[in-house]
PDB file of N, CA and C in Angstrom:
ATOM      1  N   UNK A   1       0.851  -1.171   0.000  1.00  0.00           N
ATOM      2  CA  UNK A   1       0.000   0.000   0.000  1.00  0.00           C
ATOM      3  C   UNK A   1       0.897   1.234   0.000  1.00  0.00           C
ATOM      4  N   UNK A   2       0.664   2.134  -0.957  1.00  0.00           N
ATOM      5  CA  UNK A   2       1.442   3.368  -1.037  1.00  0.00           C
ATOM      6  C   UNK A   2       0.700   4.492  -0.355  1.00  0.00           C
ATOM      7  N   UNK A   3       1.469   5.357   0.265  1.00  0.00           N
ATOM      8  CA  UNK A   3       0.895   6.527   0.925  1.00  0.00           C
ATOM      9  C   UNK A   3       1.360   7.765   0.186  1.00  0.00           C
ATOM     10  N   UNK A   4       0.504   8.772   0.181  1.00  0.00           N
ATOM     11  CA  UNK A   4       0.794  10.011  -0.530  1.00  0.00           C
ATOM     12  C   UNK A   4       1.998  10.745   0.043  1.00  0.00           C
ATOM     13  N   UNK A   5       2.158  10.733   1.327  1.00  0.00           N
ATOM     14  CA  UNK A   5       3.240  11.480   1.955  1.00  0.00           C
ATOM     15  C   UNK A   5       3.766  10.705   3.163  1.00  0.00           C
ATOM     16  N   UNK A   6       4.882  11.200   3.681  1.00  0.00           N
ATOM     17  CA  UNK A   6       5.456  10.587   4.882  1.00  0.00           C
ATOM     18  C   UNK A   6       4.475  10.702   6.045  1.00  0.00           C
ATOM     19  N   UNK A   7       3.783  11.843   6.124  1.00  0.00           N
ATOM     20  CA  UNK A   7       2.810  12.044   7.205  1.00  0.00           C
ATOM     21  C   UNK A   7       1.678  11.024   7.118  1.00  0.00           C
ATOM     22  N   UNK A   8       1.214  10.730   5.897  1.00  0.00           N
ATOM     23  CA  UNK A   8       0.160   9.715   5.724  1.00  0.00           C
ATOM     24  C   UNK A   8       0.657   8.353   6.184  1.00  0.00           C
ATOM     25  N   UNK A   9       1.900   8.032   5.840  1.00  0.00           N
ATOM     26  CA  UNK A   9       2.469   6.743   6.229  1.00  0.00           C
ATOM     27  C   UNK A   9       2.596   6.654   7.751  1.00  0.00           C
ATOM     28  N   UNK A  10       3.069   7.730   8.365  1.00  0.00           N
ATOM     29  CA  UNK A  10       3.216   7.738   9.821  1.00  0.00           C
ATOM     30  C   UNK A  10       1.863   7.582  10.501  1.00  0.00           C
ATOM     31  N   UNK A  11       0.849   8.257   9.972  1.00  0.00           N
ATOM     32  CA  UNK A  11      -0.497   8.158  10.529  1.00  0.00           C
ATOM     33  C   UNK A  11      -1.024   6.727  10.414  1.00  0.00           C
ATOM     34  N   UNK A  12      -0.770   6.080   9.274  1.00  0.00           N
ATOM     35  CA  UNK A  12      -1.221   4.697   9.075  1.00  0.00           C
ATOM     36  C   UNK A  12      -0.508   3.749  10.042  1.00  0.00           C
ATOM     37  N   UNK A  13       0.783   3.983  10.258  1.00  0.00           N
ATOM     38  CA  UNK A  13       1.536   3.149  11.200  1.00  0.00           C
ATOM     39  C   UNK A  13       0.982   3.298  12.615  1.00  0.00           C
ATOM     40  N   UNK A  14       0.761   4.533  13.038  1.00  0.00           N
ATOM     41  CA  UNK A  14       0.231   4.768  14.392  1.00  0.00           C
ATOM     42  C   UNK A  14      -1.150   4.139  14.560  1.00  0.00           C
ATOM     43  N   UNK A  15      -1.963   4.240  13.543  1.00  0.00           N
ATOM     44  CA  UNK A  15      -3.311   3.656  13.619  1.00  0.00           C
ATOM     45  C   UNK A  15      -3.218   2.138  13.777  1.00  0.00           C
ATOM     46  N   UNK A  16      -2.347   1.507  13.030  1.00  0.00           N
ATOM     47  CA  UNK A  16      -2.201   0.051  13.122  1.00  0.00           C
ATOM     48  C   UNK A  16      -1.552  -0.360  14.447  1.00  0.00           C
ATOM     49  N   UNK A  17      -0.592   0.432  14.908  1.00  0.00           N
ATOM     50  CA  UNK A  17       0.085   0.094  16.163  1.00  0.00           C
ATOM     51  C   UNK A  17      -0.862   0.187  17.355  1.00  0.00           C
ATOM     52  N   UNK A  18      -1.899   1.000  17.249  1.00  0.00           N
ATOM     53  CA  UNK A  18      -2.842   1.135  18.360  1.00  0.00           C
ATOM     54  C   UNK A  18      -3.574  -0.179  18.625  1.00  0.00           C
ATOM     55  N   UNK A  19      -3.549  -1.094  17.658  1.00  0.00           N
ATOM     56  CA  UNK A  19      -4.214  -2.398  17.820  1.00  0.00           C
ATOM     57  C   UNK A  19      -3.293  -3.467  18.409  1.00  0.00           C
ATOM     58  N   UNK A  20      -2.021  -3.121  18.620  1.00  0.00           N
ATOM     59  CA  UNK A  20      -1.047  -4.108  19.100  1.00  0.00           C
ATOM     60  C   UNK A  20      -0.848  -4.006  20.602  1.00  0.00           C
ATOM     61  N   UNK A  21      -0.401  -5.134  21.181  1.00  0.00           N
ATOM     62  CA  UNK A  21      -0.062  -5.095  22.604  1.00  0.00           C
ATOM     63  C   UNK A  21       1.381  -4.612  22.768  1.00  0.00           C
ATOM     64  N   UNK A  22       1.829  -4.449  24.019  1.00  0.00           N
ATOM     65  CA  UNK A  22       3.142  -3.872  24.305  1.00  0.00           C
ATOM     66  C   UNK A  22       4.279  -4.697  23.694  1.00  0.00           C
ATOM     67  N   UNK A  23       4.196  -6.016  23.754  1.00  0.00           N
ATOM     68  CA  UNK A  23       5.237  -6.892  23.203  1.00  0.00           C
ATOM     69  C   UNK A  23       5.326  -6.729  21.686  1.00  0.00           C
ATOM     70  N   UNK A  24       4.182  -6.672  21.019  1.00  0.00           N
ATOM     71  CA  UNK A  24       4.175  -6.506  19.569  1.00  0.00           C
ATOM     72  C   UNK A  24       4.727  -5.137  19.169  1.00  0.00           C
ATOM     73  N   UNK A  25       4.410  -4.112  19.946  1.00  0.00           N
ATOM     74  CA  UNK A  25       4.945  -2.774  19.663  1.00  0.00           C
ATOM     75  C   UNK A  25       6.464  -2.774  19.806  1.00  0.00           C
ATOM     76  N   UNK A  26       6.968  -3.472  20.825  1.00  0.00           N
ATOM     77  CA  UNK A  26       8.416  -3.577  21.009  1.00  0.00           C
ATOM     78  C   UNK A  26       9.061  -4.251  19.799  1.00  0.00           C
ATOM     79  N   UNK A  27       8.418  -5.280  19.260  1.00  0.00           N
ATOM     80  CA  UNK A  27       8.939  -5.963  18.071  1.00  0.00           C
ATOM     81  C   UNK A  27       8.938  -5.034  16.862  1.00  0.00           C
ATOM     82  N   UNK A  28       7.888  -4.230  16.711  1.00  0.00           N
ATOM     83  CA  UNK A  28       7.819  -3.267  15.610  1.00  0.00           C
ATOM     84  C   UNK A  28       8.951  -2.250  15.743  1.00  0.00           C
ATOM     85  N   UNK A  29       9.183  -1.756  16.950  1.00  0.00           N
ATOM     86  CA  UNK A  29      10.249  -0.783  17.168  1.00  0.00           C
ATOM     87  C   UNK A  29      11.628  -1.389  16.874  1.00  0.00           C
ATOM     88  N   UNK A  30      11.836  -2.642  17.282  1.00  0.00           N
ATOM     89  CA  UNK A  30      13.094  -3.317  16.957  1.00  0.00           C
ATOM     90  C   UNK A  30      13.273  -3.436  15.448  1.00  0.00           C
ATOM     91  N   UNK A  31      12.189  -3.754  14.758  1.00  0.00           N
ATOM     92  CA  UNK A  31      12.250  -3.880  13.302  1.00  0.00           C
ATOM     93  C   UNK A  31      12.588  -2.538  12.655  1.00  0.00           C
ATOM     94  N   UNK A  32      11.960  -1.468  13.132  1.00  0.00           N
ATOM     95  CA  UNK A  32      12.236  -0.136  12.601  1.00  0.00           C
ATOM     96  C   UNK A  32      13.708   0.221  12.824  1.00  0.00           C
ATOM     97  N   UNK A  33      14.219  -0.095  14.013  1.00  0.00           N
ATOM     98  CA  UNK A  33      15.635   0.158  14.300  1.00  0.00           C
ATOM     99  C   UNK A  33      16.537  -0.632  13.356  1.00  0.00           C
ATOM    100  N   UNK A  34      16.181  -1.876  13.089  1.00  0.00           N
ATOM    101  CA  UNK A  34      17.016  -2.693  12.190  1.00  0.00           C
ATOM    102  C   UNK A  34      16.992  -2.131  10.763  1.00  0.00           C
ATOM    103  N   UNK A  35      15.849  -1.604  10.327  1.00  0.00           N
ATOM    104  CA  UNK A  35      15.785  -0.971   9.006  1.00  0.00           C
ATOM    105  C   UNK A  35      16.690   0.257   8.941  1.00  0.00           C
ATOM    106  N   UNK A  36      16.660   1.066   9.980  1.00  0.00           N
ATOM    107  CA  UNK A  36      17.501   2.272  10.025  1.00  0.00           C
ATOM    108  C   UNK A  36      18.980   1.889  10.051  1.00  0.00           C
ATOM    109  N   UNK A  37      19.341   0.855  10.831  1.00  0.00           N
ATOM    110  CA  UNK A  37      20.732   0.402  10.894  1.00  0.00           C
ATOM    111  C   UNK A  37      21.203  -0.105   9.530  1.00  0.00           C
ATOM    112  N   UNK A  38      20.341  -0.859   8.863  1.00  0.00           N
ATOM    113  CA  UNK A  38      20.690  -1.389   7.541  1.00  0.00           C
ATOM    114  C   UNK A  38      20.923  -0.247   6.556  1.00  0.00           C
ATOM    115  N   UNK A  39      20.059   0.762   6.598  1.00  0.00           N
ATOM    116  CA  UNK A  39      20.222   1.913   5.705  1.00  0.00           C
ATOM    117  C   UNK A  39      21.543   2.615   5.998  1.00  0.00           C
ATOM    118  N   UNK A  40      21.876   2.775   7.265  1.00  0.00           N
ATOM    119  CA  UNK A  40      23.114   3.427   7.656  1.00  0.00           C
ATOM    120  C   UNK A  40      24.330   2.611   7.191  1.00  0.00           C
ATOM    121  N   UNK A  41      24.255   1.294   7.362  1.00  0.00           N
ATOM    122  CA  UNK A  41      25.360   0.424   6.928  1.00  0.00           C
ATOM    123  C   UNK A  41      25.540   0.507   5.419  1.00  0.00           C
ATOM    124  N   UNK A  42      24.430   0.466   4.697  1.00  0.00           N
ATOM    125  CA  UNK A  42      24.524   0.528   3.234  1.00  0.00           C
ATOM    126  C   UNK A  42      25.109   1.847   2.768  1.00  0.00           C
ATOM    127  N   UNK A  43      24.701   2.954   3.391  1.00  0.00           N
ATOM    128  CA  UNK A  43      25.240   4.237   2.965  1.00  0.00           C
ATOM    129  C   UNK A  43      26.725   4.331   3.314  1.00  0.00           C
ATOM    130  N   UNK A  44      27.149   3.746   4.430  1.00  0.00           N
ATOM    131  CA  UNK A  44      28.569   3.725   4.786  1.00  0.00           C
ATOM    132  C   UNK A  44      29.352   2.898   3.785  1.00  0.00           C
ATOM    133  N   UNK A  45      28.801   1.768   3.392  1.00  0.00           N
ATOM    134  CA  UNK A  45      29.456   0.912   2.415  1.00  0.00           C
ATOM    135  C   UNK A  45      29.554   1.631   1.066  1.00  0.00           C
ATOM    136  N   UNK A  46      28.487   2.272   0.650  1.00  0.00           N
ATOM    137  CA  UNK A  46      28.502   2.997  -0.622  1.00  0.00           C
ATOM    138  C   UNK A  46      29.544   4.105  -0.598  1.00  0.00           C
ATOM    139  N   UNK A  47      29.657   4.799   0.512  1.00  0.00           N
ATOM    140  CA  UNK A  47      30.653   5.860   0.642  1.00  0.00           C
ATOM    141  C   UNK A  47      32.063   5.280   0.565  1.00  0.00           C
ATOM    142  N   UNK A  48      32.299   4.195   1.275  1.00  0.00           N
ATOM    143  CA  UNK A  48      33.601   3.543   1.251  1.00  0.00           C
ATOM    144  C   UNK A  48      33.962   3.113  -0.169  1.00  0.00           C
ATOM    145  N   UNK A  49      33.019   2.459  -0.851  1.00  0.00           N
ATOM    146  CA  UNK A  49      33.285   1.978  -2.198  1.00  0.00           C
ATOM    147  C   UNK A  49      33.559   3.118  -3.166  1.00  0.00           C
ATOM    148  N   UNK A  50      32.826   4.214  -3.024  1.00  0.00           N
ATOM    149  CA  UNK A  50      33.043   5.334  -3.937  1.00  0.00           C
ATOM    150  C   UNK A  50      34.402   5.976  -3.719  1.00  0.00           C
ATOM    151  N   UNK A  51      34.922   5.928  -2.511  1.00  0.00           N
ATOM    152  CA  UNK A  51      36.228   6.508  -2.217  1.00  0.00           C
ATOM    153  C   UNK A  51      37.386   5.622  -2.665  1.00  0.00           C
ATOM    154  N   UNK A  52      37.213   4.308  -2.597  1.00  0.00           N
ATOM    155  CA  UNK A  52      38.333   3.404  -2.807  1.00  0.00           C
ATOM    156  C   UNK A  52      38.261   2.558  -4.073  1.00  0.00           C
ATOM    157  N   UNK A  53      37.280   2.786  -4.909  1.00  0.00           N
ATOM    158  CA  UNK A  53      37.211   2.018  -6.143  1.00  0.00           C
ATOM    159  C   UNK A  53      37.892   2.774  -7.259  1.00  0.00           C
ATOM    160  N   UNK A  54      38.299   2.055  -8.237  1.00  0.00           N
ATOM    161  CA  UNK A  54      38.945   2.668  -9.392  1.00  0.00           C
ATOM    162  C   UNK A  54      37.908   3.247 -10.336  1.00  0.00           C
ATOM    163  N   UNK A  55      38.370   3.661 -11.477  1.00  0.00           N
ATOM    164  CA  UNK A  55      37.440   4.249 -12.444  1.00  0.00           C
ATOM    165  C   UNK A  55      36.443   3.207 -12.953  1.00  0.00           C
ATOM    166  N   UNK A  56      35.328   3.671 -13.388  1.00  0.00           N
ATOM    167  CA  UNK A  56      34.304   2.767 -13.920  1.00  0.00           C
ATOM    168  C   UNK A  56      34.830   2.100 -15.191  1.00  0.00           C
ATOM    169  N   UNK A  57      34.483   0.855 -15.383  1.00  0.00           N
ATOM    170  CA  UNK A  57      34.910   0.108 -16.558  1.00  0.00           C
ATOM    171  C   UNK A  57      33.707  -0.046 -17.469  1.00  0.00           C
ATOM    172  N   UNK A  58      33.943   0.199 -18.755  1.00  0.00           N
ATOM    173  CA  UNK A  58      32.844  -0.005 -19.697  1.00  0.00           C
ATOM    174  C   UNK A  58      33.291  -0.990 -20.773  1.00  0.00           C
ATOM    175  N   UNK A  59      32.347  -1.483 -21.517  1.00  0.00           N
ATOM    176  CA  UNK A  59      32.611  -2.521 -22.505  1.00  0.00           C
ATOM    177  C   UNK A  59      33.594  -2.035 -23.570  1.00  0.00           C
ATOM    178  N   UNK A  60      33.491  -0.784 -23.957  1.00  0.00           N
ATOM    179  CA  UNK A  60      34.383  -0.240 -24.990  1.00  0.00           C
ATOM    180  C   UNK A  60      35.839  -0.317 -24.520  1.00  0.00           C
ATOM    181  N   UNK A  61      36.097   0.060 -23.262  1.00  0.00           N
ATOM    182  CA  UNK A  61      37.454   0.010 -22.722  1.00  0.00           C
ATOM    183  C   UNK A  61      37.975  -1.423 -22.630  1.00  0.00           C
ATOM    184  N   UNK A  62      37.110  -2.341 -22.227  1.00  0.00           N
ATOM    185  CA  UNK A  62      37.512  -3.747 -22.133  1.00  0.00           C
ATOM    186  C   UNK A  62      37.879  -4.275 -23.512  1.00  0.00           C
ATOM    187  N   UNK A  63      37.049  -3.974 -24.508  1.00  0.00           N
ATOM    188  CA  UNK A  63      37.336  -4.431 -25.876  1.00  0.00           C
ATOM    189  C   UNK A  63      38.646  -3.837 -26.383  1.00  0.00           C
ATOM    190  N   UNK A  64      38.893  -2.570 -26.084  1.00  0.00           N
ATOM    191  CA  UNK A  64      40.133  -1.928 -26.527  1.00  0.00           C
ATOM    192  C   UNK A  64      41.338  -2.605 -25.887  1.00  0.00           C
ATOM    193  N   UNK A  65      41.246  -2.953 -24.611  1.00  0.00           N
ATOM    194  CA  UNK A  65      42.351  -3.642 -23.932  1.00  0.00           C
ATOM    195  C   UNK A  65      42.571  -5.029 -24.514  1.00  0.00           C
ATOM    196  N   UNK A  66      41.482  -5.739 -24.773  1.00  0.00           N
ATOM    197  CA  UNK A  66      41.608  -7.085 -25.328  1.00  0.00           C
ATOM    198  C   UNK A  66      42.167  -7.058 -26.742  1.00  0.00           C
ATOM    199  N   UNK A  67      41.859  -6.023 -27.487  1.00  0.00           N
ATOM    200  CA  UNK A  67      42.333  -5.920 -28.867  1.00  0.00           C
ATOM    201  C   UNK A  67      43.853  -5.785 -28.935  1.00  0.00           C
ATOM    202  N   UNK A  68      44.490  -5.317 -27.871  1.00  0.00           N
ATOM    203  CA  UNK A  68      45.943  -5.136 -27.848  1.00  0.00           C
ATOM    204  C   UNK A  68      46.692  -6.445 -27.636  1.00  0.00           C
ATOM    205  N   UNK A  69      45.989  -7.483 -27.249  1.00  0.00           N
ATOM    206  CA  UNK A  69      46.634  -8.765 -26.962  1.00  0.00           C
ATOM    207  C   UNK A  69      47.039  -9.424 -28.267  1.00  0.00           C
ATOM    208  N   UNK A  70      48.317  -9.761 -28.347  1.00  0.00           N
ATOM    209  CA  UNK A  70      48.793 -10.476 -29.532  1.00  0.00           C
ATOM    210  C   UNK A  70      48.892 -11.948 -29.186  1.00  0.00           C
ATOM    211  N   UNK A  71      48.719 -12.789 -30.150  1.00  0.00           N
ATOM    212  CA  UNK A  71      48.796 -14.224 -29.919  1.00  0.00           C
ATOM    213  C   UNK A  71      47.495 -14.764 -29.336  1.00  0.00           C
ATOM    214  N   UNK A  72      47.632 -15.798 -28.538  1.00  0.00           N
ATOM    215  CA  UNK A  72      46.480 -16.471 -27.962  1.00  0.00           C
ATOM    216  C   UNK A  72      46.124 -15.874 -26.599  1.00  0.00           C
ATOM    217  N   UNK A  73      44.860 -15.587 -26.394  1.00  0.00           N
ATOM    218  CA  UNK A  73      44.400 -15.061 -25.110  1.00  0.00           C
ATOM    219  C   UNK A  73      44.727 -16.031 -23.981  1.00  0.00           C
ATOM    220  N   UNK A  74      44.605 -17.321 -24.250  1.00  0.00           N
ATOM    221  CA  UNK A  74      44.890 -18.310 -23.205  1.00  0.00           C
ATOM    222  C   UNK A  74      46.352 -18.237 -22.760  1.00  0.00           C
ATOM    223  N   UNK A  75      47.274 -17.932 -23.681  1.00  0.00           N
ATOM    224  CA  UNK A  75      48.685 -17.791 -23.305  1.00  0.00           C
ATOM    225  C   UNK A  75      48.883 -16.589 -22.378  1.00  0.00           C
ATOM    226  N   UNK A  76      48.209 -15.494 -22.693  1.00  0.00           N
ATOM    227  CA  UNK A  76      48.312 -14.293 -21.864  1.00  0.00           C
ATOM    228  C   UNK A  76      47.751 -14.574 -20.472  1.00  0.00           C
ATOM    229  N   UNK A  77      46.628 -15.253 -20.408  1.00  0.00           N
ATOM    230  CA  UNK A  77      46.022 -15.588 -19.119  1.00  0.00           C
ATOM    231  C   UNK A  77      46.970 -16.461 -18.314  1.00  0.00           C
ATOM    232  N   UNK A  78      47.567 -17.445 -18.965  1.00  0.00           N
ATOM    233  CA  UNK A  78      48.506 -18.333 -18.292  1.00  0.00           C
ATOM    234  C   UNK A  78      49.724 -17.558 -17.759  1.00  0.00           C
ATOM    235  N   UNK A  79      50.253 -16.646 -18.565  1.00  0.00           N
ATOM    236  CA  UNK A  79      51.406 -15.844 -18.138  1.00  0.00           C
ATOM    237  C   UNK A  79      51.049 -14.993 -16.916  1.00  0.00           C
ATOM    238  N   UNK A  80      49.898 -14.338 -16.966  1.00  0.00           N
ATOM    239  CA  UNK A  80      49.497 -13.484 -15.844  1.00  0.00           C
ATOM    240  C   UNK A  80      49.237 -14.311 -14.589  1.00  0.00           C
ATOM    241  N   UNK A  81      48.678 -15.480 -14.761  1.00  0.00           N
ATOM    242  CA  UNK A  81      48.451 -16.358 -13.608  1.00  0.00           C
ATOM    243  C   UNK A  81      49.776 -16.781 -13.003  1.00  0.00           C
ATOM    244  N   UNK A  82      50.749 -17.113 -13.853  1.00  0.00           N
ATOM    245  CA  UNK A  82      52.071 -17.506 -13.361  1.00  0.00           C
ATOM    246  C   UNK A  82      52.747 -16.352 -12.636  1.00  0.00           C
ATOM    247  N   UNK A  83      52.583 -15.121 -13.156  1.00  0.00           N
ATOM    248  CA  UNK A  83      53.160 -13.945 -12.503  1.00  0.00           C
ATOM    249  C   UNK A  83      52.575 -13.748 -11.103  1.00  0.00           C
ATOM    250  N   UNK A  84      51.308 -14.096 -10.935  1.00  0.00           N
ATOM    251  CA  UNK A  84      50.667 -13.965  -9.618  1.00  0.00           C
ATOM    252  C   UNK A  84      51.010 -15.122  -8.705  1.00  0.00           C
ATOM    253  N   UNK A  85      51.749 -16.105  -9.207  1.00  0.00           N
ATOM    254  CA  UNK A  85      52.133 -17.242  -8.377  1.00  0.00           C
ATOM    255  C   UNK A  85      51.169 -18.404  -8.478  1.00  0.00           C
ATOM    256  N   UNK A  86      50.262 -18.355  -9.432  1.00  0.00           N
ATOM    257  CA  UNK A  86      49.333 -19.461  -9.626  1.00  0.00           C
ATOM    258  C   UNK A  86      50.033 -20.636 -10.268  1.00  0.00           C
ATOM    259  N   UNK A  87      49.451 -21.788 -10.175  1.00  0.00           N
ATOM    260  CA  UNK A  87      50.075 -22.956 -10.771  1.00  0.00           C
ATOM    261  C   UNK A  87      49.360 -23.314 -12.068  1.00  0.00           C
ATOM    262  N   UNK A  88      50.073 -23.951 -12.950  1.00  0.00           N
ATOM    263  CA  UNK A  88      49.534 -24.353 -14.238  1.00  0.00           C
ATOM    264  C   UNK A  88      49.270 -25.851 -14.173  1.00  0.00           C
ATOM    265  N   UNK A  89      48.060 -26.205 -13.862  1.00  0.00           N
ATOM    266  CA  UNK A  89      47.700 -27.609 -13.725  1.00  0.00           C
ATOM    267  C   UNK A  89      47.056 -28.060 -15.021  1.00  0.00           C
ATOM    268  N   UNK A  90      47.664 -29.017 -15.642  1.00  0.00           N
ATOM    269  CA  UNK A  90      47.095 -29.573 -16.865  1.00  0.00           C
ATOM    270  C   UNK A  90      46.534 -30.953 -16.500  1.00  0.00           C
ATOM    271  N   UNK A  91      45.278 -31.144 -16.835  1.00  0.00           N
ATOM    272  CA  UNK A  91      44.616 -32.392 -16.470  1.00  0.00           C
ATOM    273  C   UNK A  91      45.100 -33.522 -17.363  1.00  0.00           C
ATOM    274  N   UNK A  92      45.362 -34.635 -16.769  1.00  0.00           N
ATOM    275  CA  UNK A  92      45.774 -35.807 -17.504  1.00  0.00           C
ATOM    276  C   UNK A  92      44.938 -36.964 -16.958  1.00  0.00           C
ATOM    277  N   UNK A  93      44.271 -37.653 -17.850  1.00  0.00           N
ATOM    278  CA  UNK A  93      43.400 -38.747 -17.425  1.00  0.00           C
ATOM    279  C   UNK A  93      44.238 -39.764 -16.670  1.00  0.00           C
ATOM    280  N   UNK A  94      43.761 -40.126 -15.498  1.00  0.00           N
ATOM    281  CA  UNK A  94      44.432 -41.132 -14.688  1.00  0.00           C
ATOM    282  C   UNK A  94      45.330 -40.526 -13.626  1.00  0.00           C
ATOM    283  N   UNK A  95      45.811 -39.294 -13.832  1.00  0.00           N
ATOM    284  CA  UNK A  95      46.679 -38.675 -12.822  1.00  0.00           C
ATOM    285  C   UNK A  95      45.910 -37.824 -11.837  1.00  0.00           C
ATOM    286  N   UNK A  96      44.907 -37.113 -12.299  1.00  0.00           N
ATOM    287  CA  UNK A  96      44.122 -36.252 -11.422  1.00  0.00           C
ATOM    288  C   UNK A  96      42.668 -36.705 -11.488  1.00  0.00           C
ATOM    289  N   UNK A  97      42.105 -37.108 -10.356  1.00  0.00           N
ATOM    290  CA  UNK A  97      40.694 -37.538 -10.372  1.00  0.00           C
ATOM    291  C   UNK A  97      39.771 -36.367 -10.699  1.00  0.00           C
ATOM    292  N   UNK A  98      38.824 -36.606 -11.544  1.00  0.00           N
ATOM    293  CA  UNK A  98      37.863 -35.575 -11.922  1.00  0.00           C
ATOM    294  C   UNK A  98      36.607 -35.681 -11.122  1.00  0.00           C
TER     295      UNK A  98
END
């Protein structure tokens, strides 16, 4: 149900809460607090990410970078993996269980 304004929503909440007992009202208040905490956490996370992330990547830039690769893409991937200290595991039937 949508309300025209924040005041309408608040009025609807108060009207419904008047039908609840004290324990149920406490649960509603806890829920409202958890919603506010979640919003605060999300905005903190968004702020952190905007400060520490690199520039936005778009498909055109990715294609331009890939176009510069000479030879086989798989060779480049293997080289970069080796530079990071990754291992080059080649599957051989009978040696490594699948």
